[in-house]
């Protein structure tokens, strides 16, 4: 497998693994994680089967990756970015599965008019929140937008913005999705990503982004407060988790395990972190037992094969 393919497979499988394994501690405080998993989370079989988690089989990813695959499937079929088609796929997934969906996205996708007027509905809900709703439901699915058209910076940014706004209109959400896409695109091109680059990019969208970019460039994970009950689903906290993993992760397994112990919106934090670790380290660096333990491994491998074939 050449370098580009190794990184693309790494992104897709890194996200899926982080999502499926992060389910183990989804919604828990760090104290509860320690009590529930005194020996840590070493594989999918370790995930407790409580009323929430038993809805997924061991090794099955959640809504984070399912929504990313809605985007990927649209790209594979149409060979272009079609926001209306992606919105329609979100709706079909919502009605046929929808497990784990966040409240914000749920409220939007359940609207009967959504598939015909996605941007109008998305903007309405943002304004209804007094322009103060910035959950992480778009950030968790955005890794694919850094891959598609990765040679064209302007296209990557535009595609990312448009796909984010299908459900998340807040400029904080949009800016963070662009930051993740920028990192992925840069890694695919072999370009260096700097803190100053990300700060400048974030400043185009919202001033609040600066604090959390800086958090992701300091080594103490406790400073991220990922299990804060009031903000654990906040898109900026998830960005900080992803940046922390990208900057300080020494190997995929231990970095994901550390994020699990931190608690909070763990499946999303680990999904974003997994994609960033995957593009930095490559598919070959992912733990083999975690890769092949994915319930839908064959399906994801086939989608990755199709994607890399198109990009060439």
Protein backbone atom coordinates (compact mmCIF):
# COMPACT_ATOMS: atom_id res chain seq x y z
CA UNK A 1 0.00 0.00 0.00
CA UNK A 2 1.47 3.38 -0.99
CA UNK A 3 1.71 6.33 1.38
CA UNK A 4 -1.47 8.10 0.21
CA UNK A 5 -3.60 4.97 0.45
CA UNK A 6 -2.08 4.14 3.83
CA UNK A 7 -3.13 7.55 5.15
CA UNK A 8 -6.64 7.42 3.67
CA UNK A 9 -7.28 3.96 5.07
CA UNK A 10 -5.83 5.25 8.34
CA UNK A 11 -8.34 8.11 8.46
CA UNK A 12 -11.40 5.96 7.81
CA UNK A 13 -10.40 3.08 10.05
CA UNK A 14 -8.96 5.39 12.71
CA UNK A 15 -12.30 7.17 12.98
CA UNK A 16 -14.30 3.95 13.03
CA UNK A 17 -12.10 2.36 15.70
CA UNK A 18 -12.16 5.45 17.90
CA UNK A 19 -15.94 5.62 17.60
CA UNK A 20 -16.56 1.91 18.27
CA UNK A 21 -14.13 1.72 21.19
CA UNK A 22 -15.03 5.12 22.62
CA UNK A 23 -18.59 3.86 23.08
CA UNK A 24 -17.22 2.02 26.13
CA UNK A 25 -17.15 5.22 28.18
CA UNK A 26 -19.58 7.45 26.29
CA UNK A 27 -21.20 9.94 28.69
CA UNK A 28 -19.14 8.91 31.71
CA UNK A 29 -17.07 11.07 34.04
CA UNK A 30 -13.42 10.16 34.35
CA UNK A 31 -14.14 8.83 37.87
CA UNK A 32 -16.88 6.57 36.57
CA UNK A 33 -14.63 5.33 33.77
CA UNK A 34 -12.01 4.35 36.35
CA UNK A 35 -14.61 2.52 38.44
CA UNK A 36 -16.26 0.78 35.50
CA UNK A 37 -13.03 -0.25 33.79
CA UNK A 38 -10.41 -0.80 36.52
CA UNK A 39 -8.24 -2.67 34.00
CA UNK A 40 -8.85 -0.20 31.20
CA UNK A 41 -10.50 -0.80 27.84
CA UNK A 42 -8.32 -3.11 25.79
CA UNK A 43 -10.80 -4.26 23.18
CA UNK A 44 -14.41 -4.27 22.08
CA UNK A 45 -15.26 -7.23 24.30
CA UNK A 46 -14.49 -5.10 27.37
CA UNK A 47 -17.39 -2.72 26.68
CA UNK A 48 -20.04 -3.08 29.37
CA UNK A 49 -23.51 -4.04 28.16
CA UNK A 50 -25.66 -1.59 30.08
CA UNK A 51 -29.00 -0.33 28.77
CA UNK A 52 -27.31 2.33 26.64
CA UNK A 53 -24.38 0.37 25.19
CA UNK A 54 -26.16 -2.92 24.54
CA UNK A 55 -27.86 -1.31 21.55
CA UNK A 56 -24.58 -1.84 19.68
CA UNK A 57 -22.79 -5.13 19.20
CA UNK A 58 -19.10 -5.23 20.22
CA UNK A 59 -17.05 -3.73 17.41
CA UNK A 60 -19.96 -1.78 15.94
CA UNK A 61 -19.46 1.94 15.36
CA UNK A 62 -22.11 4.52 16.26
CA UNK A 63 -23.81 7.51 14.67
CA UNK A 64 -20.51 9.37 14.30
CA UNK A 65 -19.17 7.02 11.65
CA UNK A 66 -22.58 6.21 10.19
CA UNK A 67 -23.09 9.87 9.34
CA UNK A 68 -19.58 10.10 7.91
CA UNK A 69 -20.47 7.15 5.69
CA UNK A 70 -23.59 8.96 4.46
CA UNK A 71 -21.22 11.59 3.08
CA UNK A 72 -18.75 9.05 1.73
CA UNK A 73 -21.47 6.99 0.04
CA UNK A 74 -22.77 10.10 -1.71
CA UNK A 75 -19.28 10.94 -2.95
CA UNK A 76 -18.65 7.40 -4.17
CA UNK A 77 -21.92 7.27 -6.07
CA UNK A 78 -22.07 10.78 -7.53
CA UNK A 79 -18.33 11.58 -7.75
CA UNK A 80 -19.10 15.13 -6.63
CA UNK A 81 -20.30 16.99 -3.53
CA UNK A 82 -24.10 17.22 -3.63
CA UNK A 83 -25.40 18.65 -0.32
CA UNK A 84 -29.00 17.75 -1.13
CA UNK A 85 -28.08 14.13 -1.74
CA UNK A 86 -26.09 14.02 1.51
CA UNK A 87 -29.03 15.53 3.39
CA UNK A 88 -31.34 12.88 1.92
CA UNK A 89 -28.93 10.15 3.05
CA UNK A 90 -28.88 11.60 6.56
CA UNK A 91 -32.67 11.38 6.61
CA UNK A 92 -32.72 7.77 5.38
CA UNK A 93 -30.16 6.75 7.99
CA UNK A 94 -32.15 8.59 10.68
CA UNK A 95 -35.36 6.73 9.85
CA UNK A 96 -33.77 3.31 9.35
CA UNK A 97 -31.30 3.39 12.26
CA UNK A 98 -30.58 6.68 14.02
CA UNK A 99 -29.06 5.07 17.12
CA UNK A 100 -26.99 7.48 19.19
CA UNK A 101 -28.04 10.59 17.31
CA UNK A 102 -27.56 13.85 19.22
CA UNK A 103 -30.51 15.98 20.22
CA UNK A 104 -29.59 18.84 17.90
CA UNK A 105 -29.31 16.66 14.79
CA UNK A 106 -32.39 14.68 15.82
CA UNK A 107 -34.49 17.85 15.98
CA UNK A 108 -33.35 18.87 12.52
CA UNK A 109 -33.62 15.54 10.70
CA UNK A 110 -37.10 14.81 12.06
CA UNK A 111 -38.52 17.88 10.33
CA UNK A 112 -40.67 16.77 7.36
CA UNK A 113 -39.30 19.52 5.13
CA UNK A 114 -35.63 18.90 5.91
CA UNK A 115 -34.65 16.89 2.82
CA UNK A 116 -36.06 19.61 0.55
CA UNK A 117 -34.77 22.61 2.53
CA UNK A 118 -31.82 21.47 4.67
CA UNK A 119 -30.03 24.79 4.97
CA UNK A 120 -33.19 26.70 5.81
CA UNK A 121 -34.10 24.21 8.55
CA UNK A 122 -30.54 24.13 9.92
CA UNK A 123 -30.32 27.91 10.09
CA UNK A 124 -33.76 28.13 11.72
CA UNK A 125 -32.72 25.87 14.60
CA UNK A 126 -29.48 27.79 15.08
CA UNK A 127 -31.36 31.10 15.27
CA UNK A 128 -33.96 29.50 17.54
CA UNK A 129 -31.09 28.76 19.96
CA UNK A 130 -30.30 32.49 19.91
CA UNK A 131 -27.26 31.64 17.80
CA UNK A 132 -25.72 29.81 20.71
CA UNK A 133 -25.89 26.12 19.77
CA UNK A 134 -22.53 24.55 18.86
CA UNK A 135 -22.61 20.78 19.48
CA UNK A 136 -20.07 18.43 17.93
CA UNK A 137 -22.35 16.48 15.59
CA UNK A 138 -20.79 17.91 12.42
CA UNK A 139 -17.20 17.70 13.60
CA UNK A 140 -17.51 13.96 14.20
CA UNK A 141 -18.31 13.22 10.55
CA UNK A 142 -16.07 15.73 8.78
CA UNK A 143 -12.86 13.75 8.22
CA UNK A 144 -14.03 12.72 4.75
CA UNK A 145 -14.20 16.36 3.61
CA UNK A 146 -10.45 16.67 4.09
CA UNK A 147 -9.88 13.76 1.71
CA UNK A 148 -12.18 14.68 -1.16
CA UNK A 149 -10.60 17.27 -3.50
CA UNK A 150 -7.62 17.35 -1.11
CA UNK A 151 -5.35 18.86 -3.76
CA UNK A 152 -7.58 21.98 -3.92
CA UNK A 153 -7.59 24.00 -0.68
CA UNK A 154 -10.47 26.27 -1.66
CA UNK A 155 -12.63 23.29 -2.66
CA UNK A 156 -11.89 21.49 0.61
CA UNK A 157 -12.92 24.53 2.65
CA UNK A 158 -16.06 25.17 0.61
CA UNK A 159 -17.15 21.53 0.67
CA UNK A 160 -16.54 21.31 4.40
CA UNK A 161 -18.50 24.47 5.15
CA UNK A 162 -21.45 23.39 3.03
CA UNK A 163 -21.65 19.89 4.52
CA UNK A 164 -21.31 21.19 8.08
CA UNK A 165 -24.11 23.70 7.60
CA UNK A 166 -26.50 20.95 6.55
CA UNK A 167 -27.14 20.44 10.26
CA UNK A 168 -24.81 22.79 12.16
CA UNK A 169 -25.02 26.44 11.14
CA UNK A 170 -23.01 27.96 13.99
CA UNK A 171 -19.71 29.49 12.77
CA UNK A 172 -17.85 27.71 15.58
CA UNK A 173 -18.98 24.37 14.17
CA UNK A 174 -18.12 25.41 10.64
CA UNK A 175 -14.69 26.72 11.58
CA UNK A 176 -13.72 23.61 13.51
CA UNK A 177 -14.78 21.33 10.68
CA UNK A 178 -12.58 23.36 8.35
CA UNK A 179 -9.67 23.05 10.79
CA UNK A 180 -9.97 19.25 10.86
CA UNK A 181 -10.29 19.09 7.08
CA UNK A 182 -7.26 21.36 6.75
CA UNK A 183 -5.15 19.08 8.94
CA UNK A 184 -6.17 15.99 6.98
CA UNK A 185 -5.57 17.66 3.63
CA UNK A 186 -2.17 18.94 4.77
CA UNK A 187 -1.10 15.50 5.98
CA UNK A 188 -2.15 13.89 2.71
CA UNK A 189 0.03 16.43 0.89
CA UNK A 190 2.93 15.96 3.29
CA UNK A 191 2.67 19.53 4.57
CA UNK A 192 3.43 20.67 8.12
CA UNK A 193 0.54 21.81 10.33
CA UNK A 194 1.37 24.58 12.82
CA UNK A 195 -0.50 26.11 15.73
CA UNK A 196 -0.28 29.54 14.12
CA UNK A 197 -1.88 28.20 10.92
CA UNK A 198 -4.83 26.78 12.84
CA UNK A 199 -5.24 29.92 14.94
CA UNK A 200 -5.37 32.05 11.80
CA UNK A 201 -7.84 29.68 10.17
CA UNK A 202 -10.07 29.60 13.23
CA UNK A 203 -10.05 33.38 13.52
CA UNK A 204 -11.90 33.57 10.20
CA UNK A 205 -14.93 31.96 11.85
CA UNK A 206 -15.17 32.71 15.59
CA UNK A 207 -12.94 34.23 18.30
CA UNK A 208 -13.78 31.42 20.77
CA UNK A 209 -11.85 28.95 18.65
CA UNK A 210 -8.46 30.34 19.73
CA UNK A 211 -8.68 29.10 23.33
CA UNK A 212 -9.41 25.52 22.34
CA UNK A 213 -6.81 25.36 19.59
CA UNK A 214 -4.25 26.44 22.19
CA UNK A 215 -5.56 23.78 24.60
CA UNK A 216 -4.86 21.15 21.97
CA UNK A 217 -1.24 22.25 21.78
CA UNK A 218 -0.46 21.78 25.49
CA UNK A 219 0.39 18.29 26.79
CA UNK A 220 -1.79 17.93 29.91
CA UNK A 221 -5.04 16.20 28.93
CA UNK A 222 -6.59 17.16 32.28
CA UNK A 223 -6.56 20.79 31.12
CA UNK A 224 -9.09 19.87 28.41
CA UNK A 225 -11.82 19.07 31.02
CA UNK A 226 -13.39 16.61 28.59
CA UNK A 227 -15.88 15.26 31.12
CA UNK A 228 -17.25 18.64 32.18
CA UNK A 229 -20.99 17.85 32.38
CA UNK A 230 -22.09 21.21 31.01
CA UNK A 231 -19.85 21.28 27.93
CA UNK A 232 -18.76 17.72 27.15
CA UNK A 233 -20.69 17.72 23.84
CA UNK A 234 -19.38 21.17 22.92
CA UNK A 235 -17.70 21.11 19.54
CA UNK A 236 -14.72 23.11 20.83
CA UNK A 237 -13.91 20.49 23.48
CA UNK A 238 -13.93 17.78 20.85
CA UNK A 239 -11.57 19.83 18.70
CA UNK A 240 -9.18 20.16 21.65
CA UNK A 241 -9.32 16.39 22.20
CA UNK A 242 -8.49 15.73 18.56
CA UNK A 243 -5.65 18.25 18.49
CA UNK A 244 -4.22 16.89 21.72
CA UNK A 245 -4.14 13.38 20.26
CA UNK A 246 -2.67 14.62 16.98
CA UNK A 247 0.07 16.60 18.70
CA UNK A 248 1.00 14.33 21.60
CA UNK A 249 -0.14 10.82 20.70
CA UNK A 250 2.86 8.50 20.55
CA UNK A 251 0.97 5.42 19.39
CA UNK A 252 -2.63 4.82 18.40
CA UNK A 253 -3.57 2.31 21.09
CA UNK A 254 -2.36 4.19 24.15
CA UNK A 255 -3.65 7.55 22.90
CA UNK A 256 -7.19 6.26 22.37
CA UNK A 257 -7.07 4.51 25.74
CA UNK A 258 -6.01 7.75 27.41
CA UNK A 259 -8.90 9.63 25.81
CA UNK A 260 -11.29 6.95 27.01
CA UNK A 261 -10.13 7.39 30.60
CA UNK A 262 -10.76 11.16 30.33
CA UNK A 263 -14.52 10.59 29.94
CA UNK A 264 -17.08 12.91 28.39
CA UNK A 265 -18.39 12.54 24.84
CA UNK A 266 -15.90 9.76 24.40
CA UNK A 267 -17.01 8.14 21.15
CA UNK A 268 -16.92 11.48 19.35
CA UNK A 269 -13.65 12.60 20.94
CA UNK A 270 -12.07 9.29 19.97
CA UNK A 271 -13.60 9.32 16.47
CA UNK A 272 -12.07 12.71 15.68
CA UNK A 273 -8.80 11.80 17.38
CA UNK A 274 -8.72 8.45 15.59
CA UNK A 275 -9.06 10.10 12.18
CA UNK A 276 -6.25 12.55 12.95
CA UNK A 277 -4.00 9.84 14.35
CA UNK A 278 -4.82 7.72 11.33
CA UNK A 279 -3.74 10.35 8.84
CA UNK A 280 -0.56 11.11 10.80
CA UNK A 281 0.46 7.51 11.56
CA UNK A 282 -1.17 5.60 8.71
CA UNK A 283 -3.25 2.44 8.51
CA UNK A 284 -0.24 0.22 9.17
CA UNK A 285 0.13 1.76 12.64
CA UNK A 286 -3.41 0.88 13.76
CA UNK A 287 -3.72 -2.05 16.19
CA UNK A 288 -4.56 -5.10 14.10
CA UNK A 289 -6.97 -6.53 16.65
CA UNK A 290 -8.91 -3.27 16.74
CA UNK A 291 -9.00 -3.05 12.93
CA UNK A 292 -10.23 -6.57 12.31
CA UNK A 293 -12.48 -6.51 15.35
CA UNK A 294 -14.72 -3.95 13.67
CA UNK A 295 -18.06 -5.58 12.99
CA UNK A 296 -18.30 -4.06 9.51
CA UNK A 297 -14.62 -4.30 8.62
CA UNK A 298 -15.23 -5.71 5.13
CA UNK A 299 -17.71 -2.96 4.26
CA UNK A 300 -15.37 -0.18 5.34
CA UNK A 301 -12.40 -1.75 3.56
CA UNK A 302 -14.39 -1.88 0.32
CA UNK A 303 -15.42 1.78 0.66
CA UNK A 304 -11.80 2.76 1.30
CA UNK A 305 -10.74 0.80 -1.79
CA UNK A 306 -13.33 2.58 -3.94
CA UNK A 307 -12.34 5.99 -2.57
CA UNK A 308 -8.63 5.56 -3.22
CA UNK A 309 -9.38 4.31 -6.74
CA UNK A 310 -11.39 7.46 -7.48
CA UNK A 311 -8.73 9.78 -6.09
CA UNK A 312 -6.17 8.37 -8.48
